[in-house]
PDB file of all heavy atoms in Angstrom:
ATOM      1  N   THR A   1      26.472  22.368  -4.579  1.00  0.00           N
ATOM      2  CA  THR A   1      26.887  21.010  -4.526  1.00  0.00           C
ATOM      3  C   THR A   1      27.085  20.560  -3.048  1.00  0.00           C
ATOM      4  O   THR A   1      27.854  21.232  -2.279  1.00  0.00           O
ATOM      5  CB  THR A   1      28.102  20.804  -5.229  1.00  0.00           C
ATOM      6  OG1 THR A   1      27.824  21.144  -6.640  1.00  0.00           O
ATOM      7  CG2 THR A   1      28.556  19.367  -5.247  1.00  0.00           C
ATOM      8  N   LEU A   2      26.430  19.610  -2.643  1.00  0.00           N
ATOM      9  CA  LEU A   2      26.494  19.050  -1.257  1.00  0.00           C
ATOM     10  C   LEU A   2      27.106  17.648  -1.389  1.00  0.00           C
ATOM     11  O   LEU A   2      26.680  16.800  -2.117  1.00  0.00           O
ATOM     12  CB  LEU A   2      25.213  18.874  -0.564  1.00  0.00           C
ATOM     13  CG  LEU A   2      24.503  20.170   0.062  1.00  0.00           C
ATOM     14  CD1 LEU A   2      24.187  21.117  -1.056  1.00  0.00           C
ATOM     15  CD2 LEU A   2      23.316  19.727   0.868  1.00  0.00           C
ATOM     16  N   THR A   3      28.253  17.406  -0.709  1.00  0.00           N
ATOM     17  CA  THR A   3      29.099  16.201  -0.799  1.00  0.00           C
ATOM     18  C   THR A   3      29.126  15.547   0.522  1.00  0.00           C
ATOM     19  O   THR A   3      29.741  16.049   1.452  1.00  0.00           O
ATOM     20  CB  THR A   3      30.490  16.579  -1.392  1.00  0.00           C
ATOM     21  OG1 THR A   3      30.410  17.338  -2.569  1.00  0.00           O
ATOM     22  CG2 THR A   3      31.302  15.328  -1.612  1.00  0.00           C
ATOM     23  N   LEU A   4      28.685  14.246   0.568  1.00  0.00           N
ATOM     24  CA  LEU A   4      28.952  13.506   1.749  1.00  0.00           C
ATOM     25  C   LEU A   4      30.404  13.126   1.925  1.00  0.00           C
ATOM     26  O   LEU A   4      30.959  12.706   0.962  1.00  0.00           O
ATOM     27  CB  LEU A   4      28.161  12.217   1.662  1.00  0.00           C
ATOM     28  CG  LEU A   4      26.614  12.421   1.367  1.00  0.00           C
ATOM     29  CD1 LEU A   4      25.837  11.027   1.328  1.00  0.00           C
ATOM     30  CD2 LEU A   4      25.891  13.310   2.458  1.00  0.00           C
ATOM     31  N   ASN A   5      30.902  13.431   3.159  1.00  0.00           N
ATOM     32  CA  ASN A   5      32.331  13.462   3.264  1.00  0.00           C
ATOM     33  C   ASN A   5      32.873  12.475   4.344  1.00  0.00           C
ATOM     34  O   ASN A   5      33.566  12.982   5.274  1.00  0.00           O
ATOM     35  CB  ASN A   5      32.819  14.890   3.430  1.00  0.00           C
ATOM     36  CG  ASN A   5      34.349  15.040   3.450  1.00  0.00           C
ATOM     37  OD1 ASN A   5      35.052  14.407   2.662  1.00  0.00           O
ATOM     38  ND2 ASN A   5      34.739  15.915   4.345  1.00  0.00           N
ATOM     39  N   ARG A   6      32.575  11.218   4.200  1.00  0.00           N
ATOM     40  CA  ARG A   6      33.038  10.122   5.077  1.00  0.00           C
ATOM     41  C   ARG A   6      33.574   9.116   4.227  1.00  0.00           C
ATOM     42  O   ARG A   6      33.163   7.924   4.341  1.00  0.00           O
ATOM     43  CB  ARG A   6      32.033   9.587   6.094  1.00  0.00           C
ATOM     44  CG  ARG A   6      31.453  10.653   7.077  1.00  0.00           C
ATOM     45  CD  ARG A   6      30.571   9.859   8.100  1.00  0.00           C
ATOM     46  NE  ARG A   6      31.297   9.365   9.148  1.00  0.00           N
ATOM     47  CZ  ARG A   6      30.906   8.265   9.822  1.00  0.00           C
ATOM     48  NH1 ARG A   6      29.866   7.722   9.623  1.00  0.00           N
ATOM     49  NH2 ARG A   6      31.572   7.905  10.894  1.00  0.00           N
ATOM     50  N   PRO A   7      34.579   9.420   3.240  1.00  0.00           N
ATOM     51  CA  PRO A   7      35.020   8.392   2.332  1.00  0.00           C
ATOM     52  C   PRO A   7      35.548   7.207   3.056  1.00  0.00           C
ATOM     53  O   PRO A   7      35.489   6.033   2.395  1.00  0.00           O
ATOM     54  CB  PRO A   7      35.897   9.162   1.386  1.00  0.00           C
ATOM     55  CG  PRO A   7      36.366  10.235   2.233  1.00  0.00           C
ATOM     56  CD  PRO A   7      35.231  10.647   3.085  1.00  0.00           C
ATOM     57  N   GLU A   8      36.284   7.387   4.007  1.00  0.00           N
ATOM     58  CA  GLU A   8      36.827   6.184   4.723  1.00  0.00           C
ATOM     59  C   GLU A   8      35.841   5.244   5.381  1.00  0.00           C
ATOM     60  O   GLU A   8      36.101   4.024   5.552  1.00  0.00           O
ATOM     61  CB  GLU A   8      37.770   6.750   5.788  1.00  0.00           C
ATOM     62  CG  GLU A   8      37.088   7.196   7.042  1.00  0.00           C
ATOM     63  CD  GLU A   8      36.514   8.443   6.936  1.00  0.00           C
ATOM     64  OE1 GLU A   8      36.686   9.199   5.878  1.00  0.00           O
ATOM     65  OE2 GLU A   8      35.871   9.110   7.861  1.00  0.00           O
ATOM     66  N   ARG A   9      34.622   5.714   5.506  1.00  0.00           N
ATOM     67  CA  ARG A   9      33.596   4.881   5.973  1.00  0.00           C
ATOM     68  C   ARG A   9      32.484   4.669   4.943  1.00  0.00           C
ATOM     69  O   ARG A   9      31.328   4.349   5.181  1.00  0.00           O
ATOM     70  CB  ARG A   9      32.765   5.490   7.158  1.00  0.00           C
ATOM     71  CG  ARG A   9      33.661   5.549   8.471  1.00  0.00           C
ATOM     72  CD  ARG A   9      33.978   4.246   9.045  1.00  0.00           C
ATOM     73  NE  ARG A   9      34.582   4.346  10.379  1.00  0.00           N
ATOM     74  CZ  ARG A   9      34.039   4.375  11.568  1.00  0.00           C
ATOM     75  NH1 ARG A   9      32.730   4.295  11.514  1.00  0.00           N
ATOM     76  NH2 ARG A   9      34.709   4.348  12.625  1.00  0.00           N
ATOM     77  N   MET A  10      32.838   4.845   3.681  1.00  0.00           N
ATOM     78  CA  MET A  10      31.916   4.770   2.425  1.00  0.00           C
ATOM     79  C   MET A  10      30.670   5.625   2.612  1.00  0.00           C
ATOM     80  O   MET A  10      29.568   5.356   2.203  1.00  0.00           O
ATOM     81  CB  MET A  10      31.471   3.246   2.260  1.00  0.00           C
ATOM     82  CG  MET A  10      32.643   2.362   1.891  1.00  0.00           C
ATOM     83  SD  MET A  10      32.190   0.718   1.529  1.00  0.00           S
ATOM     84  CE  MET A  10      31.239   0.769   0.004  1.00  0.00           C
ATOM     85  N   ASN A  11      30.891   6.863   3.251  1.00  0.00           N
ATOM     86  CA  ASN A  11      29.931   7.757   3.539  1.00  0.00           C
ATOM     87  C   ASN A  11      28.708   7.194   4.364  1.00  0.00           C
ATOM     88  O   ASN A  11      27.444   7.748   4.139  1.00  0.00           O
ATOM     89  CB  ASN A  11      29.406   8.479   2.271  1.00  0.00           C
ATOM     90  CG  ASN A  11      30.500   9.251   1.563  1.00  0.00           C
ATOM     91  OD1 ASN A  11      31.337   9.881   2.296  1.00  0.00           O
ATOM     92  ND2 ASN A  11      30.693   9.049   0.310  1.00  0.00           N
ATOM     93  N   THR A  12      28.932   6.271   5.132  1.00  0.00           N
ATOM     94  CA  THR A  12      27.804   5.770   6.045  1.00  0.00           C
ATOM     95  C   THR A  12      27.424   6.802   7.027  1.00  0.00           C
ATOM     96  O   THR A  12      28.187   7.731   7.281  1.00  0.00           O
ATOM     97  CB  THR A  12      28.368   4.524   6.826  1.00  0.00           C
ATOM     98  OG1 THR A  12      29.568   4.851   7.431  1.00  0.00           O
ATOM     99  CG2 THR A  12      28.434   3.319   5.953  1.00  0.00           C
ATOM    100  N   ILE A  13      26.147   6.850   7.377  1.00  0.00           N
ATOM    101  CA  ILE A  13      25.627   7.973   7.988  1.00  0.00           C
ATOM    102  C   ILE A  13      25.999   7.861   9.544  1.00  0.00           C
ATOM    103  O   ILE A  13      26.181   6.957  10.281  1.00  0.00           O
ATOM    104  CB  ILE A  13      24.004   7.923   7.916  1.00  0.00           C
ATOM    105  CG1 ILE A  13      23.398   6.638   8.528  1.00  0.00           C
ATOM    106  CG2 ILE A  13      23.597   8.208   6.504  1.00  0.00           C
ATOM    107  CD1 ILE A  13      21.816   6.694   8.616  1.00  0.00           C
ATOM    108  N   SER A  14      26.050   9.120  10.048  1.00  0.00           N
ATOM    109  CA  SER A  14      26.202   9.358  11.502  1.00  0.00           C
ATOM    110  C   SER A  14      25.264  10.499  11.959  1.00  0.00           C
ATOM    111  O   SER A  14      24.723  11.198  11.056  1.00  0.00           O
ATOM    112  CB  SER A  14      27.682   9.875  11.793  1.00  0.00           C
ATOM    113  OG  SER A  14      27.837  11.108  11.181  1.00  0.00           O
ATOM    114  N   ARG A  15      25.016  10.682  13.126  1.00  0.00           N
ATOM    115  CA  ARG A  15      24.232  11.842  13.575  1.00  0.00           C
ATOM    116  C   ARG A  15      24.613  13.141  13.165  1.00  0.00           C
ATOM    117  O   ARG A  15      23.849  13.990  12.625  1.00  0.00           O
ATOM    118  CB  ARG A  15      24.107  11.721  15.167  1.00  0.00           C
ATOM    119  CG  ARG A  15      23.152  10.571  15.662  1.00  0.00           C
ATOM    120  CD  ARG A  15      22.792  10.655  17.108  1.00  0.00           C
ATOM    121  NE  ARG A  15      21.961   9.603  17.549  1.00  0.00           N
ATOM    122  CZ  ARG A  15      22.455   8.481  18.044  1.00  0.00           C
ATOM    123  NH1 ARG A  15      23.755   8.231  18.178  1.00  0.00           N
ATOM    124  NH2 ARG A  15      21.608   7.589  18.452  1.00  0.00           N
ATOM    125  N   PRO A  16      25.997  13.411  13.297  1.00  0.00           N
ATOM    126  CA  PRO A  16      26.381  14.754  12.830  1.00  0.00           C
ATOM    127  C   PRO A  16      26.134  14.952  11.319  1.00  0.00           C
ATOM    128  O   PRO A  16      25.827  16.063  10.842  1.00  0.00           O
ATOM    129  CB  PRO A  16      27.931  14.834  13.199  1.00  0.00           C
ATOM    130  CG  PRO A  16      27.943  13.896  14.298  1.00  0.00           C
ATOM    131  CD  PRO A  16      27.050  12.824  14.088  1.00  0.00           C
ATOM    132  N   MET A  17      26.385  13.878  10.606  1.00  0.00           N
ATOM    133  CA  MET A  17      26.116  13.946   9.016  1.00  0.00           C
ATOM    134  C   MET A  17      24.735  14.316   8.772  1.00  0.00           C
ATOM    135  O   MET A  17      24.389  15.188   8.012  1.00  0.00           O
ATOM    136  CB  MET A  17      26.528  12.694   8.413  1.00  0.00           C
ATOM    137  CG  MET A  17      26.263  12.701   6.904  1.00  0.00           C
ATOM    138  SD  MET A  17      26.431  11.067   6.104  1.00  0.00           S
ATOM    139  CE  MET A  17      28.224  11.136   5.788  1.00  0.00           C
ATOM    140  N   LEU A  18      23.781  13.739   9.384  1.00  0.00           N
ATOM    141  CA  LEU A  18      22.343  13.844   9.190  1.00  0.00           C
ATOM    142  C   LEU A  18      21.973  15.209   9.571  1.00  0.00           C
ATOM    143  O   LEU A  18      21.108  15.953   8.792  1.00  0.00           O
ATOM    144  CB  LEU A  18      21.472  12.874   9.988  1.00  0.00           C
ATOM    145  CG  LEU A  18      21.630  11.403   9.597  1.00  0.00           C
ATOM    146  CD1 LEU A  18      20.632  10.576  10.373  1.00  0.00           C
ATOM    147  CD2 LEU A  18      21.458  11.181   8.165  1.00  0.00           C
ATOM    148  N   ALA A  19      22.415  15.765  10.687  1.00  0.00           N
ATOM    149  CA  ALA A  19      22.113  17.069  11.217  1.00  0.00           C
ATOM    150  C   ALA A  19      22.615  18.181  10.146  1.00  0.00           C
ATOM    151  O   ALA A  19      21.978  19.122   9.814  1.00  0.00           O
ATOM    152  CB  ALA A  19      22.596  17.377  12.652  1.00  0.00           C
ATOM    153  N   ARG A  20      23.850  17.926   9.799  1.00  0.00           N
ATOM    154  CA  ARG A  20      24.312  18.909   8.830  1.00  0.00           C
ATOM    155  C   ARG A  20      23.785  18.892   7.426  1.00  0.00           C
ATOM    156  O   ARG A  20      23.560  19.821   6.803  1.00  0.00           O
ATOM    157  CB  ARG A  20      26.004  18.730   8.711  1.00  0.00           C
ATOM    158  CG  ARG A  20      26.654  19.646   7.831  1.00  0.00           C
ATOM    159  CD  ARG A  20      28.127  19.730   8.081  1.00  0.00           C
ATOM    160  NE  ARG A  20      28.844  20.468   7.054  1.00  0.00           N
ATOM    161  CZ  ARG A  20      29.015  21.808   7.067  1.00  0.00           C
ATOM    162  NH1 ARG A  20      28.424  22.433   8.004  1.00  0.00           N
ATOM    163  NH2 ARG A  20      29.674  22.400   6.081  1.00  0.00           N
ATOM    164  N   LEU A  21      23.516  17.649   6.896  1.00  0.00           N
ATOM    165  CA  LEU A  21      22.841  17.516   5.631  1.00  0.00           C
ATOM    166  C   LEU A  21      21.545  18.240   5.592  1.00  0.00           C
ATOM    167  O   LEU A  21      21.274  18.980   4.700  1.00  0.00           O
ATOM    168  CB  LEU A  21      22.716  16.054   5.332  1.00  0.00           C
ATOM    169  CG  LEU A  21      21.985  15.776   3.989  1.00  0.00           C
ATOM    170  CD1 LEU A  21      22.645  16.394   2.681  1.00  0.00           C
ATOM    171  CD2 LEU A  21      21.787  14.271   3.753  1.00  0.00           C
ATOM    172  N   ALA A  22      20.747  18.044   6.663  1.00  0.00           N
ATOM    173  CA  ALA A  22      19.411  18.696   6.609  1.00  0.00           C
ATOM    174  C   ALA A  22      19.598  20.279   6.737  1.00  0.00           C
ATOM    175  O   ALA A  22      18.854  21.047   6.001  1.00  0.00           O
ATOM    176  CB  ALA A  22      18.727  18.312   7.884  1.00  0.00           C
ATOM    177  N   ALA A  23      20.583  20.702   7.542  1.00  0.00           N
ATOM    178  CA  ALA A  23      20.773  22.083   7.699  1.00  0.00           C
ATOM    179  C   ALA A  23      21.235  22.746   6.341  1.00  0.00           C
ATOM    180  O   ALA A  23      20.844  23.797   5.990  1.00  0.00           O
ATOM    181  CB  ALA A  23      21.752  22.430   8.766  1.00  0.00           C
ATOM    182  N   LEU A  24      22.143  21.986   5.650  1.00  0.00           N
ATOM    183  CA  LEU A  24      22.586  22.566   4.356  1.00  0.00           C
ATOM    184  C   LEU A  24      21.594  22.525   3.239  1.00  0.00           C
ATOM    185  O   LEU A  24      21.581  23.400   2.379  1.00  0.00           O
ATOM    186  CB  LEU A  24      23.984  21.769   3.943  1.00  0.00           C
ATOM    187  CG  LEU A  24      25.104  21.995   4.769  1.00  0.00           C
ATOM    188  CD1 LEU A  24      26.307  21.128   4.387  1.00  0.00           C
ATOM    189  CD2 LEU A  24      25.509  23.492   4.850  1.00  0.00           C
ATOM    190  N   LEU A  25      20.772  21.544   3.267  1.00  0.00           N
ATOM    191  CA  LEU A  25      19.677  21.430   2.298  1.00  0.00           C
ATOM    192  C   LEU A  25      18.675  22.681   2.571  1.00  0.00           C
ATOM    193  O   LEU A  25      18.233  23.348   1.535  1.00  0.00           O
ATOM    194  CB  LEU A  25      18.881  20.185   2.427  1.00  0.00           C
ATOM    195  CG  LEU A  25      19.530  18.899   2.037  1.00  0.00           C
ATOM    196  CD1 LEU A  25      18.723  17.634   2.384  1.00  0.00           C
ATOM    197  CD2 LEU A  25      19.694  19.027   0.440  1.00  0.00           C
TER     198      LEU A  25
END
């Protein structure tokens, strides 16, 4: 289970989020 974890920003994307999401996939 991969969970986007920026709830205070409605999980809007950032560069660190994109890099980590790709790596975890």
